[in-house]
Amino acid sequence: MSKAKALRAEAQETEGDDVGGAEMARRVADNLRRLRKERALSLDQLAASSGVSRAALSQIEGSKTNPTLLILWKIAVGLGVPFQALLGTEEVGHARVLRATDTAPLRSADGRMESRLLTPGGASPGQEVYELRFQPKGLLRSEPHGPGTTETVVVLTGVLRVSVADEVHELAPGDTIFFRADVPHSYENRSTREARCLDVIAYGRSG
């Protein structure tokens, strides 16, 4: 690979649907560094298990870039941890209210898909709840999560196409789908109206 191609590939990993501002980049950097060291993984080893280049991982750990949503998912899978483990952890007492303004939505590069984490950090390490919004032609492709991971998706508004491995399902408001998420899966809005759903991810032992 030429140097120019390598730089373009690296840019694709660190640009686009980034996860937020400088504070979020610092939090991700700190958590990534801690999680990697806890597992005694070198940058090269994590690059091999996640599919994210060593150069991109180094930039993320150095708070030099905001990683894309897709890259964060890949890193989480490579580390064997829930997605929110990279975003930060907080102590939760008997109850905690998460206001609508407490979590910034993560958007795809084209702006047609939006994801908002509804689970406070540290509330339930093995489970995460997301609100997903898809504008017309909105698409989210997800890499396989760790072995044993499952997802339950409830469509609130609009029509959503959910593909799991080689199966395709069309879901209308009120419909629910439960599936193994340790295989490739995707969500797509082929209609002309916004589609919105809740996605509950229950992680297997390896995350």
N, C-alpha and C. Protein backbone atom coordinates (compact mmCIF):
# COMPACT_ATOMS: atom_id res chain seq x y z
N MET A 1 0.84 -1.19 0.00
CA MET A 1 0.00 0.00 0.00
C MET A 1 0.88 1.25 0.00
N SER A 2 0.56 2.21 -0.89
CA SER A 2 1.34 3.44 -0.94
C SER A 2 1.06 4.29 0.29
N LYS A 3 1.95 5.25 0.54
CA LYS A 3 1.77 6.12 1.70
C LYS A 3 0.47 6.91 1.59
N ALA A 4 0.14 7.36 0.38
CA ALA A 4 -1.09 8.14 0.18
C ALA A 4 -2.32 7.30 0.50
N LYS A 5 -2.31 6.04 0.04
CA LYS A 5 -3.44 5.16 0.32
C LYS A 5 -3.55 4.87 1.80
N ALA A 6 -2.41 4.70 2.45
CA ALA A 6 -2.41 4.41 3.89
C ALA A 6 -2.99 5.58 4.67
N LEU A 7 -2.63 6.81 4.26
CA LEU A 7 -3.16 7.99 4.93
C LEU A 7 -4.66 8.12 4.72
N ARG A 8 -5.13 7.79 3.50
CA ARG A 8 -6.57 7.85 3.24
C ARG A 8 -7.30 6.82 4.08
N ALA A 9 -6.74 5.63 4.19
CA ALA A 9 -7.37 4.57 4.99
C ALA A 9 -7.44 4.97 6.45
N GLU A 10 -6.35 5.60 6.94
CA GLU A 10 -6.32 6.04 8.33
C GLU A 10 -7.34 7.14 8.55
N ALA A 11 -7.49 8.04 7.59
CA ALA A 11 -8.46 9.12 7.72
C ALA A 11 -9.88 8.57 7.80
N GLN A 12 -10.18 7.51 7.04
CA GLN A 12 -11.50 6.92 7.07
C GLN A 12 -11.81 6.34 8.45
N GLU A 13 -10.78 5.93 9.17
CA GLU A 13 -10.98 5.35 10.50
C GLU A 13 -11.20 6.41 11.56
N THR A 14 -10.74 7.61 11.33
CA THR A 14 -10.77 8.62 12.38
C THR A 14 -11.60 9.84 12.01
N GLU A 15 -12.32 9.80 10.90
CA GLU A 15 -13.15 10.91 10.51
C GLU A 15 -14.55 10.40 10.22
N GLY A 16 -15.54 11.32 10.22
CA GLY A 16 -16.89 10.94 9.87
C GLY A 16 -17.82 11.09 11.06
N ASP A 17 -18.49 9.99 11.44
CA ASP A 17 -19.49 10.04 12.50
C ASP A 17 -18.81 9.98 13.86
N ASP A 18 -18.11 11.05 14.24
CA ASP A 18 -17.32 11.03 15.47
C ASP A 18 -18.22 11.09 16.70
N VAL A 19 -17.66 10.72 17.84
CA VAL A 19 -18.46 10.53 19.04
C VAL A 19 -18.59 11.77 19.92
N GLY A 20 -18.04 12.89 19.54
CA GLY A 20 -18.23 14.08 20.35
C GLY A 20 -17.03 14.99 20.35
N GLY A 21 -16.97 15.87 21.37
CA GLY A 21 -15.93 16.87 21.43
C GLY A 21 -14.70 16.42 22.18
N ALA A 22 -13.92 17.42 22.63
CA ALA A 22 -12.63 17.14 23.26
C ALA A 22 -12.78 16.34 24.55
N GLU A 23 -13.80 16.63 25.34
CA GLU A 23 -14.00 15.91 26.60
C GLU A 23 -14.29 14.44 26.34
N MET A 24 -15.12 14.16 25.34
CA MET A 24 -15.42 12.77 25.01
C MET A 24 -14.19 12.06 24.47
N ALA A 25 -13.40 12.76 23.65
CA ALA A 25 -12.18 12.17 23.11
C ALA A 25 -11.22 11.80 24.23
N ARG A 26 -11.11 12.67 25.24
CA ARG A 26 -10.23 12.38 26.38
C ARG A 26 -10.74 11.18 27.18
N ARG A 27 -12.06 11.12 27.38
CA ARG A 27 -12.63 10.01 28.13
C ARG A 27 -12.41 8.68 27.41
N VAL A 28 -12.65 8.69 26.10
CA VAL A 28 -12.42 7.48 25.31
C VAL A 28 -10.95 7.07 25.37
N ALA A 29 -10.06 8.06 25.25
CA ALA A 29 -8.62 7.77 25.29
C ALA A 29 -8.23 7.13 26.61
N ASP A 30 -8.70 7.69 27.72
CA ASP A 30 -8.36 7.16 29.04
C ASP A 30 -8.89 5.74 29.22
N ASN A 31 -10.15 5.52 28.80
CA ASN A 31 -10.74 4.19 28.96
C ASN A 31 -10.08 3.16 28.06
N LEU A 32 -9.77 3.56 26.84
CA LEU A 32 -9.11 2.64 25.91
C LEU A 32 -7.75 2.22 26.45
N ARG A 33 -6.98 3.19 26.91
CA ARG A 33 -5.65 2.89 27.44
C ARG A 33 -5.75 1.95 28.65
N ARG A 34 -6.69 2.24 29.55
CA ARG A 34 -6.85 1.43 30.76
C ARG A 34 -7.29 0.01 30.41
N LEU A 35 -8.29 -0.12 29.55
CA LEU A 35 -8.81 -1.44 29.19
C LEU A 35 -7.77 -2.27 28.45
N ARG A 36 -7.00 -1.62 27.60
CA ARG A 36 -5.97 -2.35 26.85
C ARG A 36 -4.88 -2.86 27.79
N LYS A 37 -4.46 -2.01 28.74
CA LYS A 37 -3.40 -2.41 29.67
C LYS A 37 -3.89 -3.48 30.63
N GLU A 38 -5.16 -3.40 31.04
CA GLU A 38 -5.71 -4.43 31.93
C GLU A 38 -5.68 -5.81 31.27
N ARG A 39 -5.78 -5.81 29.96
CA ARG A 39 -5.76 -7.07 29.21
C ARG A 39 -4.38 -7.41 28.67
N ALA A 40 -3.40 -6.60 29.04
CA ALA A 40 -2.01 -6.81 28.62
C ALA A 40 -1.89 -6.94 27.11
N LEU A 41 -2.60 -6.07 26.41
CA LEU A 41 -2.58 -6.08 24.95
C LEU A 41 -1.71 -4.94 24.43
N SER A 42 -0.88 -5.25 23.46
CA SER A 42 -0.13 -4.20 22.78
C SER A 42 -1.04 -3.55 21.74
N LEU A 43 -0.64 -2.42 21.21
CA LEU A 43 -1.42 -1.78 20.15
C LEU A 43 -1.53 -2.70 18.94
N ASP A 44 -0.45 -3.41 18.63
CA ASP A 44 -0.48 -4.33 17.49
C ASP A 44 -1.47 -5.46 17.72
N GLN A 45 -1.51 -5.98 18.94
CA GLN A 45 -2.44 -7.07 19.24
C GLN A 45 -3.89 -6.61 19.17
N LEU A 46 -4.16 -5.41 19.69
CA LEU A 46 -5.52 -4.89 19.62
C LEU A 46 -5.90 -4.57 18.19
N ALA A 47 -4.95 -4.09 17.41
CA ALA A 47 -5.21 -3.83 16.00
C ALA A 47 -5.63 -5.11 15.29
N ALA A 48 -4.96 -6.21 15.62
CA ALA A 48 -5.27 -7.49 14.99
C ALA A 48 -6.65 -8.00 15.39
N SER A 49 -7.03 -7.83 16.66
CA SER A 49 -8.31 -8.36 17.14
C SER A 49 -9.49 -7.48 16.78
N SER A 50 -9.24 -6.18 16.57
CA SER A 50 -10.33 -5.25 16.30
C SER A 50 -10.49 -4.89 14.83
N GLY A 51 -9.42 -5.05 14.05
CA GLY A 51 -9.48 -4.62 12.66
C GLY A 51 -9.26 -3.13 12.49
N VAL A 52 -8.86 -2.45 13.57
CA VAL A 52 -8.55 -1.02 13.52
C VAL A 52 -7.03 -0.86 13.50
N SER A 53 -6.53 -0.03 12.63
CA SER A 53 -5.08 0.06 12.46
C SER A 53 -4.38 0.54 13.73
N ARG A 54 -3.12 0.16 13.86
CA ARG A 54 -2.32 0.58 15.02
C ARG A 54 -2.21 2.10 15.07
N ALA A 55 -2.05 2.72 13.90
CA ALA A 55 -1.92 4.18 13.84
C ALA A 55 -3.17 4.86 14.37
N ALA A 56 -4.35 4.34 13.98
CA ALA A 56 -5.60 4.93 14.45
C ALA A 56 -5.77 4.74 15.95
N LEU A 57 -5.43 3.55 16.46
CA LEU A 57 -5.52 3.29 17.89
C LEU A 57 -4.61 4.23 18.68
N SER A 58 -3.41 4.46 18.16
CA SER A 58 -2.46 5.35 18.81
C SER A 58 -3.00 6.78 18.87
N GLN A 59 -3.62 7.22 17.78
CA GLN A 59 -4.20 8.57 17.75
C GLN A 59 -5.34 8.70 18.75
N ILE A 60 -6.17 7.66 18.84
CA ILE A 60 -7.30 7.69 19.76
C ILE A 60 -6.82 7.72 21.21
N GLU A 61 -5.83 6.89 21.53
CA GLU A 61 -5.28 6.87 22.89
C GLU A 61 -4.60 8.20 23.25
N GLY A 62 -4.11 8.89 22.26
CA GLY A 62 -3.45 10.17 22.50
C GLY A 62 -4.39 11.35 22.47
N SER A 63 -5.71 11.08 22.39
CA SER A 63 -6.73 12.13 22.34
C SER A 63 -6.52 13.07 21.16
N LYS A 64 -5.92 12.55 20.09
CA LYS A 64 -5.63 13.38 18.93
C LYS A 64 -6.76 13.37 17.90
N THR A 65 -7.77 12.51 18.13
CA THR A 65 -8.86 12.42 17.18
C THR A 65 -10.10 11.89 17.87
N ASN A 66 -11.26 12.20 17.31
CA ASN A 66 -12.51 11.61 17.75
C ASN A 66 -12.80 10.41 16.85
N PRO A 67 -12.83 9.20 17.39
CA PRO A 67 -13.08 8.03 16.55
C PRO A 67 -14.52 8.00 16.06
N THR A 68 -14.74 7.32 14.96
CA THR A 68 -16.09 7.18 14.44
C THR A 68 -16.85 6.15 15.27
N LEU A 69 -18.17 6.19 15.12
CA LEU A 69 -19.04 5.24 15.81
C LEU A 69 -18.67 3.81 15.45
N LEU A 70 -18.45 3.55 14.17
CA LEU A 70 -18.10 2.21 13.72
C LEU A 70 -16.78 1.75 14.32
N ILE A 71 -15.80 2.64 14.37
CA ILE A 71 -14.49 2.28 14.92
C ILE A 71 -14.60 1.95 16.41
N LEU A 72 -15.40 2.72 17.14
CA LEU A 72 -15.59 2.42 18.56
C LEU A 72 -16.20 1.03 18.76
N TRP A 73 -17.16 0.68 17.92
CA TRP A 73 -17.77 -0.65 18.01
C TRP A 73 -16.70 -1.72 17.77
N LYS A 74 -15.87 -1.51 16.76
CA LYS A 74 -14.83 -2.49 16.46
C LYS A 74 -13.85 -2.64 17.62
N ILE A 75 -13.48 -1.52 18.22
CA ILE A 75 -12.54 -1.57 19.35
C ILE A 75 -13.17 -2.30 20.53
N ALA A 76 -14.45 -2.02 20.79
CA ALA A 76 -15.14 -2.69 21.90
C ALA A 76 -15.17 -4.19 21.69
N VAL A 77 -15.46 -4.61 20.45
CA VAL A 77 -15.47 -6.04 20.14
C VAL A 77 -14.08 -6.63 20.31
N GLY A 78 -13.06 -5.90 19.84
CA GLY A 78 -11.68 -6.38 19.95
C GLY A 78 -11.23 -6.53 21.40
N LEU A 79 -11.74 -5.65 22.27
CA LEU A 79 -11.40 -5.71 23.69
C LEU A 79 -12.28 -6.69 24.45
N GLY A 80 -13.43 -7.04 23.85
CA GLY A 80 -14.37 -7.92 24.53
C GLY A 80 -15.12 -7.21 25.65
N VAL A 81 -15.50 -5.94 25.40
CA VAL A 81 -16.20 -5.15 26.42
C VAL A 81 -17.45 -4.52 25.80
N PRO A 82 -18.44 -4.16 26.63
CA PRO A 82 -19.60 -3.43 26.12
C PRO A 82 -19.17 -2.08 25.55
N PHE A 83 -19.95 -1.58 24.62
CA PHE A 83 -19.65 -0.31 23.96
C PHE A 83 -19.45 0.82 24.96
N GLN A 84 -20.34 0.89 25.97
CA GLN A 84 -20.28 2.01 26.90
C GLN A 84 -19.03 1.99 27.78
N ALA A 85 -18.32 0.87 27.82
CA ALA A 85 -17.09 0.81 28.61
C ALA A 85 -16.05 1.79 28.07
N LEU A 86 -16.15 2.13 26.79
CA LEU A 86 -15.22 3.08 26.20
C LEU A 86 -15.66 4.53 26.43
N LEU A 87 -16.93 4.72 26.70
CA LEU A 87 -17.45 6.08 26.85
C LEU A 87 -17.34 6.60 28.27
N GLY A 88 -17.16 5.71 29.25
CA GLY A 88 -17.00 6.17 30.62
C GLY A 88 -17.87 5.39 31.58
N THR A 89 -17.50 5.39 32.84
CA THR A 89 -18.28 4.72 33.88
C THR A 89 -18.59 5.70 34.99
N GLU A 90 -19.77 5.54 35.57
CA GLU A 90 -20.20 6.41 36.65
C GLU A 90 -20.85 5.55 37.73
N GLU A 91 -20.72 5.98 38.98
CA GLU A 91 -21.36 5.26 40.08
C GLU A 91 -22.87 5.52 40.05
N VAL A 92 -23.65 4.46 40.22
CA VAL A 92 -25.11 4.57 40.23
C VAL A 92 -25.62 4.03 41.56
N GLY A 93 -26.40 4.84 42.31
CA GLY A 93 -26.94 4.40 43.59
C GLY A 93 -28.21 3.60 43.39
N HIS A 94 -29.21 3.85 44.25
CA HIS A 94 -30.46 3.11 44.15
C HIS A 94 -31.20 3.44 42.86
N ALA A 95 -31.05 4.66 42.42
CA ALA A 95 -31.72 5.08 41.18
C ALA A 95 -30.98 6.26 40.60
N ARG A 96 -31.08 6.39 39.28
CA ARG A 96 -30.49 7.55 38.64
C ARG A 96 -31.34 7.95 37.45
N VAL A 97 -31.63 9.22 37.35
CA VAL A 97 -32.39 9.75 36.22
C VAL A 97 -31.41 10.22 35.16
N LEU A 98 -31.61 9.77 33.95
CA LEU A 98 -30.79 10.20 32.82
C LEU A 98 -31.64 11.14 31.97
N ARG A 99 -31.37 12.42 32.06
CA ARG A 99 -32.15 13.41 31.32
C ARG A 99 -31.84 13.33 29.83
N ALA A 100 -32.79 13.82 29.04
CA ALA A 100 -32.61 13.79 27.59
C ALA A 100 -31.36 14.55 27.16
N THR A 101 -30.97 15.55 27.96
CA THR A 101 -29.81 16.37 27.62
C THR A 101 -28.50 15.81 28.18
N ASP A 102 -28.57 14.71 28.93
CA ASP A 102 -27.37 14.16 29.57
C ASP A 102 -26.46 13.42 28.60
N THR A 103 -27.04 12.86 27.56
CA THR A 103 -26.23 12.10 26.60
C THR A 103 -26.40 12.67 25.20
N ALA A 104 -25.30 13.02 24.59
CA ALA A 104 -25.33 13.55 23.23
C ALA A 104 -25.53 12.41 22.25
N PRO A 105 -26.41 12.56 21.27
CA PRO A 105 -26.59 11.50 20.28
C PRO A 105 -25.36 11.35 19.39
N LEU A 106 -25.13 10.13 18.96
CA LEU A 106 -24.06 9.85 18.01
C LEU A 106 -24.70 9.72 16.64
N ARG A 107 -24.15 10.41 15.66
CA ARG A 107 -24.75 10.42 14.32
C ARG A 107 -23.82 9.78 13.30
N SER A 108 -24.43 9.19 12.29
CA SER A 108 -23.66 8.62 11.20
C SER A 108 -23.09 9.74 10.36
N ALA A 109 -22.15 9.41 9.50
CA ALA A 109 -21.48 10.43 8.68
C ALA A 109 -22.45 11.18 7.79
N ASP A 110 -23.49 10.47 7.29
CA ASP A 110 -24.44 11.13 6.39
C ASP A 110 -25.59 11.78 7.15
N GLY A 111 -25.61 11.64 8.48
CA GLY A 111 -26.64 12.27 9.29
C GLY A 111 -27.99 11.59 9.27
N ARG A 112 -28.08 10.42 8.64
CA ARG A 112 -29.38 9.75 8.50
C ARG A 112 -29.67 8.75 9.61
N MET A 113 -28.68 8.48 10.45
CA MET A 113 -28.89 7.57 11.58
C MET A 113 -28.37 8.23 12.84
N GLU A 114 -29.14 8.11 13.91
CA GLU A 114 -28.77 8.72 15.18
C GLU A 114 -28.96 7.70 16.29
N SER A 115 -27.97 7.59 17.17
CA SER A 115 -28.02 6.63 18.27
C SER A 115 -27.82 7.38 19.59
N ARG A 116 -28.67 7.08 20.57
CA ARG A 116 -28.53 7.71 21.89
C ARG A 116 -28.54 6.63 22.96
N LEU A 117 -27.50 6.59 23.77
CA LEU A 117 -27.39 5.60 24.84
C LEU A 117 -28.32 6.01 25.99
N LEU A 118 -29.21 5.09 26.40
CA LEU A 118 -30.17 5.38 27.45
C LEU A 118 -29.78 4.77 28.79
N THR A 119 -28.69 4.03 28.82
CA THR A 119 -28.26 3.36 30.05
C THR A 119 -27.13 4.15 30.70
N PRO A 120 -27.27 4.59 31.94
CA PRO A 120 -26.16 5.29 32.61
C PRO A 120 -24.94 4.40 32.71
N GLY A 121 -23.77 4.97 32.54
CA GLY A 121 -22.55 4.20 32.66
C GLY A 121 -22.44 3.55 34.02
N GLY A 122 -22.15 2.25 34.04
CA GLY A 122 -22.01 1.52 35.29
C GLY A 122 -23.31 0.98 35.83
N ALA A 123 -24.46 1.32 35.20
CA ALA A 123 -25.75 0.88 35.72
C ALA A 123 -25.95 -0.62 35.54
N SER A 124 -25.58 -1.13 34.39
CA SER A 124 -25.77 -2.55 34.10
C SER A 124 -24.68 -2.96 33.13
N PRO A 125 -23.53 -3.42 33.62
CA PRO A 125 -22.38 -3.71 32.77
C PRO A 125 -22.65 -4.66 31.62
N GLY A 126 -23.60 -5.58 31.79
CA GLY A 126 -23.85 -6.57 30.75
C GLY A 126 -24.96 -6.21 29.80
N GLN A 127 -25.53 -5.02 29.96
CA GLN A 127 -26.68 -4.66 29.12
C GLN A 127 -26.67 -3.17 28.80
N GLU A 128 -27.07 -2.85 27.58
CA GLU A 128 -27.18 -1.45 27.15
C GLU A 128 -28.49 -1.26 26.42
N VAL A 129 -29.07 -0.08 26.57
CA VAL A 129 -30.31 0.27 25.88
C VAL A 129 -30.06 1.52 25.04
N TYR A 130 -30.45 1.46 23.78
CA TYR A 130 -30.25 2.57 22.86
C TYR A 130 -31.58 2.98 22.22
N GLU A 131 -31.70 4.27 21.95
CA GLU A 131 -32.75 4.76 21.08
C GLU A 131 -32.10 5.02 19.73
N LEU A 132 -32.62 4.40 18.69
CA LEU A 132 -32.09 4.58 17.34
C LEU A 132 -33.12 5.30 16.48
N ARG A 133 -32.66 6.30 15.75
CA ARG A 133 -33.52 7.03 14.81
C ARG A 133 -32.93 6.92 13.41
N PHE A 134 -33.78 6.60 12.47
CA PHE A 134 -33.34 6.46 11.08
C PHE A 134 -34.18 7.37 10.19
N GLN A 135 -33.51 8.29 9.52
CA GLN A 135 -34.18 9.08 8.50
C GLN A 135 -34.34 8.21 7.25
N PRO A 136 -35.16 8.63 6.28
CA PRO A 136 -35.26 7.85 5.05
C PRO A 136 -33.88 7.54 4.47
N LYS A 137 -33.67 6.30 4.09
CA LYS A 137 -32.41 5.77 3.57
C LYS A 137 -31.34 5.63 4.66
N GLY A 138 -31.73 5.81 5.91
CA GLY A 138 -30.79 5.62 7.01
C GLY A 138 -30.40 4.16 7.14
N LEU A 139 -29.13 3.90 7.39
CA LEU A 139 -28.63 2.52 7.45
C LEU A 139 -27.57 2.41 8.54
N LEU A 140 -27.65 1.33 9.30
CA LEU A 140 -26.62 1.01 10.29
C LEU A 140 -26.21 -0.44 10.12
N ARG A 141 -24.96 -0.65 9.75
CA ARG A 141 -24.41 -2.01 9.66
C ARG A 141 -23.58 -2.27 10.90
N SER A 142 -23.81 -3.39 11.55
CA SER A 142 -23.11 -3.70 12.79
C SER A 142 -22.26 -4.94 12.63
N GLU A 143 -21.03 -4.84 13.11
CA GLU A 143 -20.15 -6.00 13.15
C GLU A 143 -20.68 -7.00 14.18
N PRO A 144 -20.34 -8.29 14.07
CA PRO A 144 -20.77 -9.25 15.09
C PRO A 144 -20.23 -8.85 16.46
N HIS A 145 -21.10 -8.92 17.46
CA HIS A 145 -20.65 -8.70 18.83
C HIS A 145 -20.05 -10.00 19.36
N GLY A 146 -19.63 -9.99 20.62
CA GLY A 146 -19.02 -11.17 21.21
C GLY A 146 -19.98 -12.35 21.27
N PRO A 147 -19.45 -13.57 21.38
CA PRO A 147 -20.28 -14.78 21.44
C PRO A 147 -21.33 -14.68 22.54
N GLY A 148 -22.55 -15.08 22.21
CA GLY A 148 -23.63 -15.09 23.19
C GLY A 148 -24.38 -13.79 23.32
N THR A 149 -23.95 -12.74 22.62
CA THR A 149 -24.64 -11.45 22.70
C THR A 149 -25.96 -11.51 21.94
N THR A 150 -27.00 -10.92 22.52
CA THR A 150 -28.31 -10.89 21.87
C THR A 150 -28.82 -9.45 21.83
N GLU A 151 -29.76 -9.21 20.93
CA GLU A 151 -30.41 -7.90 20.85
C GLU A 151 -31.91 -8.08 20.78
N THR A 152 -32.63 -7.17 21.42
CA THR A 152 -34.08 -7.10 21.31
C THR A 152 -34.42 -5.71 20.80
N VAL A 153 -35.09 -5.64 19.67
CA VAL A 153 -35.40 -4.36 19.03
C VAL A 153 -36.92 -4.19 18.99
N VAL A 154 -37.40 -3.06 19.47
CA VAL A 154 -38.82 -2.73 19.46
C VAL A 154 -39.01 -1.49 18.59
N VAL A 155 -39.80 -1.61 17.53
CA VAL A 155 -40.03 -0.47 16.65
C VAL A 155 -41.12 0.42 17.25
N LEU A 156 -40.82 1.70 17.38
CA LEU A 156 -41.76 2.66 17.96
C LEU A 156 -42.53 3.40 16.89
N THR A 157 -41.84 3.88 15.87
CA THR A 157 -42.50 4.58 14.76
C THR A 157 -41.83 4.18 13.45
N GLY A 158 -42.58 4.28 12.36
CA GLY A 158 -42.03 3.99 11.05
C GLY A 158 -41.88 2.50 10.78
N VAL A 159 -41.22 2.20 9.68
CA VAL A 159 -40.99 0.82 9.26
C VAL A 159 -39.49 0.60 9.17
N LEU A 160 -39.02 -0.49 9.75
CA LEU A 160 -37.59 -0.75 9.82
C LEU A 160 -37.29 -2.14 9.27
N ARG A 161 -36.29 -2.22 8.43
CA ARG A 161 -35.83 -3.52 7.92
C ARG A 161 -34.61 -3.95 8.74
N VAL A 162 -34.71 -5.12 9.36
CA VAL A 162 -33.62 -5.66 10.17
C VAL A 162 -33.11 -6.93 9.51
N SER A 163 -31.83 -6.94 9.20
CA SER A 163 -31.19 -8.11 8.58
C SER A 163 -30.27 -8.76 9.60
N VAL A 164 -30.42 -10.07 9.75
CA VAL A 164 -29.59 -10.84 10.68
C VAL A 164 -28.99 -12.00 9.90
N ALA A 165 -27.68 -11.96 9.68
CA ALA A 165 -27.02 -12.95 8.81
C ALA A 165 -27.72 -12.91 7.46
N ASP A 166 -28.35 -14.01 7.03
CA ASP A 166 -29.02 -14.03 5.72
C ASP A 166 -30.53 -13.89 5.84
N GLU A 167 -31.04 -13.53 7.02
CA GLU A 167 -32.48 -13.34 7.21
C GLU A 167 -32.82 -11.85 7.17
N VAL A 168 -33.97 -11.54 6.54
CA VAL A 168 -34.43 -10.15 6.44
C VAL A 168 -35.84 -10.06 7.01
N HIS A 169 -36.07 -9.09 7.89
CA HIS A 169 -37.37 -8.93 8.53
C HIS A 169 -37.82 -7.48 8.43
N GLU A 170 -39.08 -7.27 8.03
CA GLU A 170 -39.68 -5.94 7.98
C GLU A 170 -40.52 -5.75 9.23
N LEU A 171 -40.24 -4.69 9.98
CA LEU A 171 -40.92 -4.46 11.25
C LEU A 171 -41.70 -3.16 11.22
N ALA A 172 -42.93 -3.21 11.73
CA ALA A 172 -43.81 -2.05 11.82
C ALA A 172 -43.92 -1.62 13.28
N PRO A 173 -44.54 -0.46 13.54
CA PRO A 173 -44.67 0.00 14.92
C PRO A 173 -45.30 -1.06 15.83
N GLY A 174 -44.69 -1.28 16.98
CA GLY A 174 -45.17 -2.28 17.92
C GLY A 174 -44.53 -3.64 17.75
N ASP A 175 -43.89 -3.88 16.60
CA ASP A 175 -43.23 -5.17 16.36
C ASP A 175 -41.92 -5.25 17.15
N THR A 176 -41.59 -6.47 17.56
CA THR A 176 -40.36 -6.73 18.31
C THR A 176 -39.60 -7.87 17.65
N ILE A 177 -38.28 -7.76 17.59
CA ILE A 177 -37.45 -8.85 17.09
C ILE A 177 -36.34 -9.13 18.10
N PHE A 178 -36.11 -10.40 18.36
CA PHE A 178 -35.02 -10.85 19.23
C PHE A 178 -34.08 -11.67 18.37
N PHE A 179 -32.77 -11.41 18.46
CA PHE A 179 -31.85 -12.16 17.61
C PHE A 179 -30.47 -12.25 18.23
N ARG A 180 -29.74 -13.25 17.78
CA ARG A 180 -28.34 -13.37 18.15
C ARG A 180 -27.56 -12.27 17.44
N ALA A 181 -26.78 -11.54 18.21
CA ALA A 181 -26.04 -10.42 17.63
C ALA A 181 -24.56 -10.73 17.45
N ASP A 182 -24.21 -12.02 17.55
CA ASP A 182 -22.81 -12.41 17.30
C ASP A 182 -22.61 -12.82 15.85
N VAL A 183 -23.51 -12.32 14.99
CA VAL A 183 -23.40 -12.47 13.54
C VAL A 183 -23.60 -11.09 12.92
N PRO A 184 -23.20 -10.87 11.67
CA PRO A 184 -23.42 -9.56 11.05
C PRO A 184 -24.91 -9.22 11.03
N HIS A 185 -25.24 -7.97 11.32
CA HIS A 185 -26.64 -7.55 11.31
C HIS A 185 -26.71 -6.08 10.93
N SER A 186 -27.88 -5.67 10.46
CA SER A 186 -28.03 -4.28 10.03
C SER A 186 -29.47 -3.82 10.20
N TYR A 187 -29.63 -2.50 10.18
CA TYR A 187 -30.93 -1.87 10.30
C TYR A 187 -31.04 -0.84 9.17
N GLU A 188 -32.21 -0.79 8.53
CA GLU A 188 -32.34 0.12 7.39
C GLU A 188 -33.76 0.65 7.31
N ASN A 189 -33.88 1.94 7.01
CA ASN A 189 -35.17 2.57 6.79
C ASN A 189 -35.34 2.83 5.30
N ARG A 190 -36.19 2.03 4.67
CA ARG A 190 -36.43 2.18 3.23
C ARG A 190 -37.68 3.00 2.94
N SER A 191 -38.33 3.49 3.97
CA SER A 191 -39.55 4.25 3.78
C SER A 191 -39.24 5.73 3.58
N THR A 192 -40.28 6.53 3.48
CA THR A 192 -40.10 7.97 3.27
C THR A 192 -40.29 8.76 4.57
N ARG A 193 -40.48 8.03 5.69
CA ARG A 193 -40.67 8.68 6.98
C ARG A 193 -39.64 8.17 7.99
N GLU A 194 -39.41 8.95 9.02
CA GLU A 194 -38.46 8.54 10.06
C GLU A 194 -38.92 7.25 10.73
N ALA A 195 -37.96 6.40 11.06
CA ALA A 195 -38.21 5.19 11.84
C ALA A 195 -37.45 5.31 13.15
N ARG A 196 -38.09 4.89 14.23
CA ARG A 196 -37.46 5.00 15.55
C ARG A 196 -37.66 3.70 16.30
N CYS A 197 -36.65 3.25 17.02
CA CYS A 197 -36.76 1.99 17.75
C CYS A 197 -35.93 2.04 19.02
N LEU A 198 -36.20 1.09 19.91
CA LEU A 198 -35.37 0.85 21.08
C LEU A 198 -34.60 -0.43 20.85
N ASP A 199 -33.32 -0.41 21.17
CA ASP A 199 -32.45 -1.57 20.97
C ASP A 199 -31.81 -1.93 22.31
N VAL A 200 -32.13 -3.13 22.80
CA VAL A 200 -31.56 -3.62 24.06
C VAL A 200 -30.50 -4.66 23.74
N ILE A 201 -29.26 -4.38 24.09
CA ILE A 201 -28.15 -5.30 23.83
C ILE A 201 -27.76 -5.98 25.14
N ALA A 202 -27.82 -7.31 25.14
CA ALA A 202 -27.39 -8.11 26.29
C ALA A 202 -26.13 -8.84 25.88
N TYR A 203 -25.01 -8.47 26.49
CA TYR A 203 -23.72 -9.00 26.07
C TYR A 203 -23.46 -10.39 26.64
N GLY A 204 -22.80 -11.22 25.81
CA GLY A 204 -22.35 -12.52 26.26
C GLY A 204 -21.16 -12.36 27.18
N ARG A 205 -20.60 -13.46 27.62
CA ARG A 205 -19.51 -13.41 28.60
C ARG A 205 -18.31 -12.62 28.12
N SER A 206 -18.02 -12.70 26.81
CA SER A 206 -16.83 -12.01 26.30
C SER A 206 -17.13 -10.61 25.84
N GLY A 207 -18.40 -10.15 26.00
CA GLY A 207 -18.76 -8.79 25.62
C GLY A 207 -19.06 -8.66 24.16
